[in-house]
All heavy atoms as atom14 arrays in JSON, in Angstrom:
{
  "sequence": "HSYIRRAVRSGDVEARRAILIGAVQSSDD",
  "atom14_mask": [
    [1, 1, 1, 1, 1, 1, 1, 1, 1, 1, 0, 0, 0, 0],
    [1, 1, 1, 1, 1, 1, 0, 0, 0, 0, 0, 0, 0, 0],
    [1, 1, 1, 1, 1, 1, 1, 1, 1, 1, 1, 1, 0, 0],
    [1, 1, 1, 1, 1, 1, 1, 1, 0, 0, 0, 0, 0, 0],
    [1, 1, 1, 1, 1, 1, 1, 1, 1, 1, 1, 0, 0, 0],
    [1, 1, 1, 1, 1, 1, 1, 1, 1, 1, 1, 0, 0, 0],
    [1, 1, 1, 1, 1, 0, 0, 0, 0, 0, 0, 0, 0, 0],
    [1, 1, 1, 1, 1, 1, 1, 0, 0, 0, 0, 0, 0, 0],
    [1, 1, 1, 1, 1, 1, 1, 1, 1, 1, 1, 0, 0, 0],
    [1, 1, 1, 1, 1, 1, 0, 0, 0, 0, 0, 0, 0, 0],
    [1, 1, 1, 1, 0, 0, 0, 0, 0, 0, 0, 0, 0, 0],
    [1, 1, 1, 1, 1, 1, 1, 1, 0, 0, 0, 0, 0, 0],
    [1, 1, 1, 1, 1, 1, 1, 0, 0, 0, 0, 0, 0, 0],
    [1, 1, 1, 1, 1, 1, 1, 1, 1, 0, 0, 0, 0, 0],
    [1, 1, 1, 1, 1, 0, 0, 0, 0, 0, 0, 0, 0, 0],
    [1, 1, 1, 1, 1, 1, 1, 1, 1, 1, 1, 0, 0, 0],
    [1, 1, 1, 1, 1, 1, 1, 1, 1, 1, 1, 0, 0, 0],
    [1, 1, 1, 1, 1, 0, 0, 0, 0, 0, 0, 0, 0, 0],
    [1, 1, 1, 1, 1, 1, 1, 1, 0, 0, 0, 0, 0, 0],
    [1, 1, 1, 1, 1, 1, 1, 1, 0, 0, 0, 0, 0, 0],
    [1, 1, 1, 1, 1, 1, 1, 1, 0, 0, 0, 0, 0, 0],
    [1, 1, 1, 1, 0, 0, 0, 0, 0, 0, 0, 0, 0, 0],
    [1, 1, 1, 1, 1, 0, 0, 0, 0, 0, 0, 0, 0, 0],
    [1, 1, 1, 1, 1, 1, 1, 0, 0, 0, 0, 0, 0, 0],
    [1, 1, 1, 1, 1, 1, 1, 1, 1, 0, 0, 0, 0, 0],
    [1, 1, 1, 1, 1, 1, 0, 0, 0, 0, 0, 0, 0, 0],
    [1, 1, 1, 1, 1, 1, 0, 0, 0, 0, 0, 0, 0, 0],
    [1, 1, 1, 1, 1, 1, 1, 1, 0, 0, 0, 0, 0, 0],
    [1, 1, 1, 1, 1, 1, 1, 1, 0, 0, 0, 0, 0, 0]
  ],
  "atom14_positions": [
    [[295.49, 107.37, 130.18], [295.67, 106.4, 131.26], [296.62, 106.94, 132.33], [296.34, 106.87, 133.53], [296.2, 105.09, 130.69], [296.27, 103.98, 131.7], [297.36, 103.79, 132.51], [295.37, 103.0, 132.02], [297.14, 102.75, 133.3], [295.95, 102.25, 133.03], [0.0, 0.0, 0.0], [0.0, 0.0, 0.0], [0.0, 0.0, 0.0], [0.0, 0.0, 0.0]],
    [[297.72, 107.51, 131.9], [298.68, 108.08, 132.85], [298.06, 109.26, 133.61], [298.27, 109.41, 134.82], [299.94, 108.54, 132.11], [300.58, 107.45, 131.48], [0.0, 0.0, 0.0], [0.0, 0.0, 0.0], [0.0, 0.0, 0.0], [0.0, 0.0, 0.0], [0.0, 0.0, 0.0], [0.0, 0.0, 0.0], [0.0, 0.0, 0.0], [0.0, 0.0, 0.0]],
    [[297.28, 110.08, 132.91], [296.66, 111.25, 133.55], [295.67, 110.82, 134.63], [295.67, 111.37, 135.75], [295.96, 112.1, 132.51], [295.24, 113.29, 133.08], [295.92, 114.43, 133.48], [293.85, 113.25, 133.26], [295.26, 115.51, 134.03], [293.17, 114.33, 133.8], [293.88, 115.46, 134.19], [293.2, 116.52, 134.74], [0.0, 0.0, 0.0], [0.0, 0.0, 0.0]],
    [[294.83, 109.82, 134.33], [293.84, 109.38, 135.31], [294.51, 108.72, 136.49], [294.15, 108.96, 137.65], [292.82, 108.44, 134.64], [291.85, 109.25, 133.77], [292.04, 107.64, 135.68], [290.74, 108.44, 133.17], [0.0, 0.0, 0.0], [0.0, 0.0, 0.0], [0.0, 0.0, 0.0], [0.0, 0.0, 0.0], [0.0, 0.0, 0.0], [0.0, 0.0, 0.0]],
    [[295.5, 107.88, 136.23], [296.22, 107.25, 137.35], [296.85, 108.3, 138.25], [296.79, 108.21, 139.49], [297.3, 106.32, 136.79], [296.79, 104.97, 136.3], [296.51, 104.05, 137.48], [296.17, 102.72, 137.05], [297.04, 101.73, 136.88], [298.34, 101.97, 137.07], [296.64, 100.54, 136.52], [0.0, 0.0, 0.0], [0.0, 0.0, 0.0], [0.0, 0.0, 0.0]],
    [[297.45, 109.32, 137.65], [298.11, 110.38, 138.42], [297.08, 111.19, 139.2], [297.31, 111.56, 140.36], [298.91, 111.27, 137.48], [299.78, 112.3, 138.18], [300.78, 112.93, 137.22], [300.12, 113.56, 136.08], [300.14, 113.08, 134.85], [300.79, 111.96, 134.58], [299.53, 113.72, 133.86], [0.0, 0.0, 0.0], [0.0, 0.0, 0.0], [0.0, 0.0, 0.0]],
    [[295.94, 111.47, 138.59], [294.9, 112.25, 139.26], [294.31, 111.49, 140.44], [294.01, 112.07, 141.49], [293.8, 112.61, 138.26], [0.0, 0.0, 0.0], [0.0, 0.0, 0.0], [0.0, 0.0, 0.0], [0.0, 0.0, 0.0], [0.0, 0.0, 0.0], [0.0, 0.0, 0.0], [0.0, 0.0, 0.0], [0.0, 0.0, 0.0], [0.0, 0.0, 0.0]],
    [[294.14, 110.18, 140.29], [293.6, 109.36, 141.38], [294.59, 109.3, 142.53], [294.23, 109.44, 143.7], [293.26, 107.95, 140.87], [292.95, 107.01, 142.03], [292.06, 108.0, 139.92], [0.0, 0.0, 0.0], [0.0, 0.0, 0.0], [0.0, 0.0, 0.0], [0.0, 0.0, 0.0], [0.0, 0.0, 0.0], [0.0, 0.0, 0.0], [0.0, 0.0, 0.0]],
    [[295.88, 109.07, 142.22], [296.88, 108.99, 143.28], [297.04, 110.3, 144.03], [297.31, 110.31, 145.23], [298.23, 108.57, 142.68], [298.33, 107.11, 142.3], [299.78, 106.7, 142.11], [300.42, 107.47, 141.07], [300.49, 107.11, 139.8], [299.94, 105.96, 139.42], [301.1, 107.86, 138.9], [0.0, 0.0, 0.0], [0.0, 0.0, 0.0], [0.0, 0.0, 0.0]],
    [[296.87, 111.42, 143.32], [297.02, 112.72, 143.98], [295.78, 113.11, 144.78], [295.8, 114.1, 145.52], [297.31, 113.81, 142.93], [296.2, 113.97, 142.06], [0.0, 0.0, 0.0], [0.0, 0.0, 0.0], [0.0, 0.0, 0.0], [0.0, 0.0, 0.0], [0.0, 0.0, 0.0], [0.0, 0.0, 0.0], [0.0, 0.0, 0.0], [0.0, 0.0, 0.0]],
    [[294.7, 112.34, 144.65], [293.48, 112.63, 145.39], [292.6, 113.69, 144.77], [291.71, 114.22, 145.42], [0.0, 0.0, 0.0], [0.0, 0.0, 0.0], [0.0, 0.0, 0.0], [0.0, 0.0, 0.0], [0.0, 0.0, 0.0], [0.0, 0.0, 0.0], [0.0, 0.0, 0.0], [0.0, 0.0, 0.0], [0.0, 0.0, 0.0], [0.0, 0.0, 0.0]],
    [[292.83, 114.02, 143.5], [292.04, 115.05, 142.83], [290.78, 114.49, 142.19], [289.92, 115.27, 141.76], [292.88, 115.74, 141.74], [294.05, 116.51, 142.33], [293.92, 116.97, 143.49], [295.08, 116.65, 141.65], [0.0, 0.0, 0.0], [0.0, 0.0, 0.0], [0.0, 0.0, 0.0], [0.0, 0.0, 0.0], [0.0, 0.0, 0.0], [0.0, 0.0, 0.0]],
    [[290.67, 113.17, 142.09], [289.55, 112.55, 141.4], [288.9, 111.52, 142.31], [289.58, 110.76, 142.98], [290.01, 111.87, 140.09], [288.87, 111.1, 139.45], [290.53, 112.91, 139.11], [0.0, 0.0, 0.0], [0.0, 0.0, 0.0], [0.0, 0.0, 0.0], [0.0, 0.0, 0.0], [0.0, 0.0, 0.0], [0.0, 0.0, 0.0], [0.0, 0.0, 0.0]],
    [[287.59, 111.54, 142.33], [286.82, 110.57, 143.12], [286.42, 109.4, 142.23], [285.66, 109.56, 141.28], [285.57, 111.25, 143.68], [284.63, 110.3, 144.4], [283.33, 110.98, 144.75], [283.34, 112.18, 145.01], [282.29, 110.28, 144.74], [0.0, 0.0, 0.0], [0.0, 0.0, 0.0], [0.0, 0.0, 0.0], [0.0, 0.0, 0.0], [0.0, 0.0, 0.0]],
    [[286.96, 108.21, 142.55], [286.65, 107.03, 141.77], [285.55, 106.19, 142.4], [284.76, 105.56, 141.7], [287.91, 106.17, 141.59], [0.0, 0.0, 0.0], [0.0, 0.0, 0.0], [0.0, 0.0, 0.0], [0.0, 0.0, 0.0], [0.0, 0.0, 0.0], [0.0, 0.0, 0.0], [0.0, 0.0, 0.0], [0.0, 0.0, 0.0], [0.0, 0.0, 0.0]],
    [[285.5, 106.16, 143.73], [284.5, 105.37, 144.44], [284.08, 106.09, 145.71], [284.71, 107.05, 146.13], [285.08, 103.98, 144.8], [285.3, 103.07, 143.61], [286.08, 101.84, 144.03], [287.46, 102.18, 144.4], [288.33, 101.31, 144.89], [287.97, 100.07, 145.1], [289.57, 101.7, 145.19], [0.0, 0.0, 0.0], [0.0, 0.0, 0.0], [0.0, 0.0, 0.0]],
    [[283.0, 105.57, 146.33], [282.52, 106.13, 147.58], [282.38, 105.02, 148.61], [282.15, 103.86, 148.27], [281.17, 106.84, 147.38], [281.26, 108.07, 146.49], [279.92, 108.78, 146.36], [280.04, 109.96, 145.5], [279.02, 110.78, 145.25], [277.82, 110.54, 145.78], [279.2, 111.83, 144.47], [0.0, 0.0, 0.0], [0.0, 0.0, 0.0], [0.0, 0.0, 0.0]],
    [[282.52, 105.41, 149.88], [282.45, 104.41, 150.94], [281.92, 105.06, 152.21], [281.99, 106.28, 152.39], [283.82, 103.8, 151.19], [0.0, 0.0, 0.0], [0.0, 0.0, 0.0], [0.0, 0.0, 0.0], [0.0, 0.0, 0.0], [0.0, 0.0, 0.0], [0.0, 0.0, 0.0], [0.0, 0.0, 0.0], [0.0, 0.0, 0.0], [0.0, 0.0, 0.0]],
    [[281.36, 104.23, 153.07], [280.95, 104.65, 154.41], [281.88, 103.96, 155.4], [282.04, 102.74, 155.36], [279.48, 104.28, 154.7], [278.55, 105.04, 153.75], [279.13, 104.58, 156.14], [277.09, 104.68, 153.93], [0.0, 0.0, 0.0], [0.0, 0.0, 0.0], [0.0, 0.0, 0.0], [0.0, 0.0, 0.0], [0.0, 0.0, 0.0], [0.0, 0.0, 0.0]],
    [[282.52, 104.73, 156.26], [283.45, 104.19, 157.23], [282.72, 103.91, 158.54], [281.89, 104.7, 158.98], [284.59, 105.17, 157.47], [285.35, 105.64, 156.22], [286.49, 106.57, 156.62], [285.89, 104.45, 155.44], [0.0, 0.0, 0.0], [0.0, 0.0, 0.0], [0.0, 0.0, 0.0], [0.0, 0.0, 0.0], [0.0, 0.0, 0.0], [0.0, 0.0, 0.0]],
    [[283.04, 102.77, 159.13], [282.4, 102.35, 160.38], [283.5, 102.04, 161.38], [284.41, 101.27, 161.1], [281.5, 101.12, 160.17], [280.41, 101.42, 159.14], [280.89, 100.68, 161.49], [279.53, 100.24, 158.82], [0.0, 0.0, 0.0], [0.0, 0.0, 0.0], [0.0, 0.0, 0.0], [0.0, 0.0, 0.0], [0.0, 0.0, 0.0], [0.0, 0.0, 0.0]],
    [[283.42, 102.64, 162.54], [284.39, 102.37, 163.59], [285.06, 103.63, 164.08], [284.73, 104.75, 163.65], [0.0, 0.0, 0.0], [0.0, 0.0, 0.0], [0.0, 0.0, 0.0], [0.0, 0.0, 0.0], [0.0, 0.0, 0.0], [0.0, 0.0, 0.0], [0.0, 0.0, 0.0], [0.0, 0.0, 0.0], [0.0, 0.0, 0.0], [0.0, 0.0, 0.0]],
    [[286.01, 103.46, 164.99], [286.74, 104.58, 165.57], [287.89, 104.94, 164.64], [288.97, 104.37, 164.72], [287.25, 104.22, 166.96], [0.0, 0.0, 0.0], [0.0, 0.0, 0.0], [0.0, 0.0, 0.0], [0.0, 0.0, 0.0], [0.0, 0.0, 0.0], [0.0, 0.0, 0.0], [0.0, 0.0, 0.0], [0.0, 0.0, 0.0], [0.0, 0.0, 0.0]],
    [[287.65, 105.9, 163.77], [288.67, 106.28, 162.79], [289.43, 107.53, 163.22], [290.24, 108.05, 162.45], [288.01, 106.54, 161.41], [287.35, 105.29, 160.9], [287.03, 107.7, 161.48], [0.0, 0.0, 0.0], [0.0, 0.0, 0.0], [0.0, 0.0, 0.0], [0.0, 0.0, 0.0], [0.0, 0.0, 0.0], [0.0, 0.0, 0.0], [0.0, 0.0, 0.0]],
    [[289.19, 107.98, 164.44], [289.87, 109.2, 164.88], [291.38, 109.06, 164.86], [292.11, 110.03, 164.65], [289.41, 109.56, 166.31], [287.99, 110.09, 166.37], [286.95, 108.97, 166.43], [287.29, 107.82, 166.24], [285.7, 109.33, 166.68], [0.0, 0.0, 0.0], [0.0, 0.0, 0.0], [0.0, 0.0, 0.0], [0.0, 0.0, 0.0], [0.0, 0.0, 0.0]],
    [[291.88, 107.85, 165.07], [293.32, 107.62, 165.09], [293.79, 106.88, 163.84], [294.84, 106.26, 163.86], [293.69, 106.8, 166.34], [293.01, 105.56, 166.33], [0.0, 0.0, 0.0], [0.0, 0.0, 0.0], [0.0, 0.0, 0.0], [0.0, 0.0, 0.0], [0.0, 0.0, 0.0], [0.0, 0.0, 0.0], [0.0, 0.0, 0.0], [0.0, 0.0, 0.0]],
    [[293.0, 106.91, 162.8], [293.32, 106.16, 161.58], [293.61, 107.1, 160.42], [293.05, 106.95, 159.33], [292.17, 105.21, 161.24], [291.9, 104.33, 162.29], [0.0, 0.0, 0.0], [0.0, 0.0, 0.0], [0.0, 0.0, 0.0], [0.0, 0.0, 0.0], [0.0, 0.0, 0.0], [0.0, 0.0, 0.0], [0.0, 0.0, 0.0], [0.0, 0.0, 0.0]],
    [[294.47, 108.08, 160.65], [294.8, 109.03, 159.59], [295.45, 108.34, 158.39], [295.25, 108.74, 157.25], [295.72, 110.12, 160.12], [294.98, 111.1, 161.02], [293.75, 110.97, 161.14], [295.64, 111.98, 161.61], [0.0, 0.0, 0.0], [0.0, 0.0, 0.0], [0.0, 0.0, 0.0], [0.0, 0.0, 0.0], [0.0, 0.0, 0.0], [0.0, 0.0, 0.0]],
    [[296.26, 107.32, 158.68], [296.92, 106.61, 157.58], [295.89, 105.94, 156.68], [296.04, 105.94, 155.45], [297.89, 105.57, 158.13], [299.1, 106.19, 158.8], [299.36, 107.38, 158.53], [299.77, 105.51, 159.59], [0.0, 0.0, 0.0], [0.0, 0.0, 0.0], [0.0, 0.0, 0.0], [0.0, 0.0, 0.0], [0.0, 0.0, 0.0], [0.0, 0.0, 0.0]]
  ]
}
């Protein structure tokens, strides 16, 4: 559980997928 949580927070694991809609050029956060 700790390993998966840590991997997700670090961005090393893909948990879900999404399509972004809109002007995200200034939405780095």
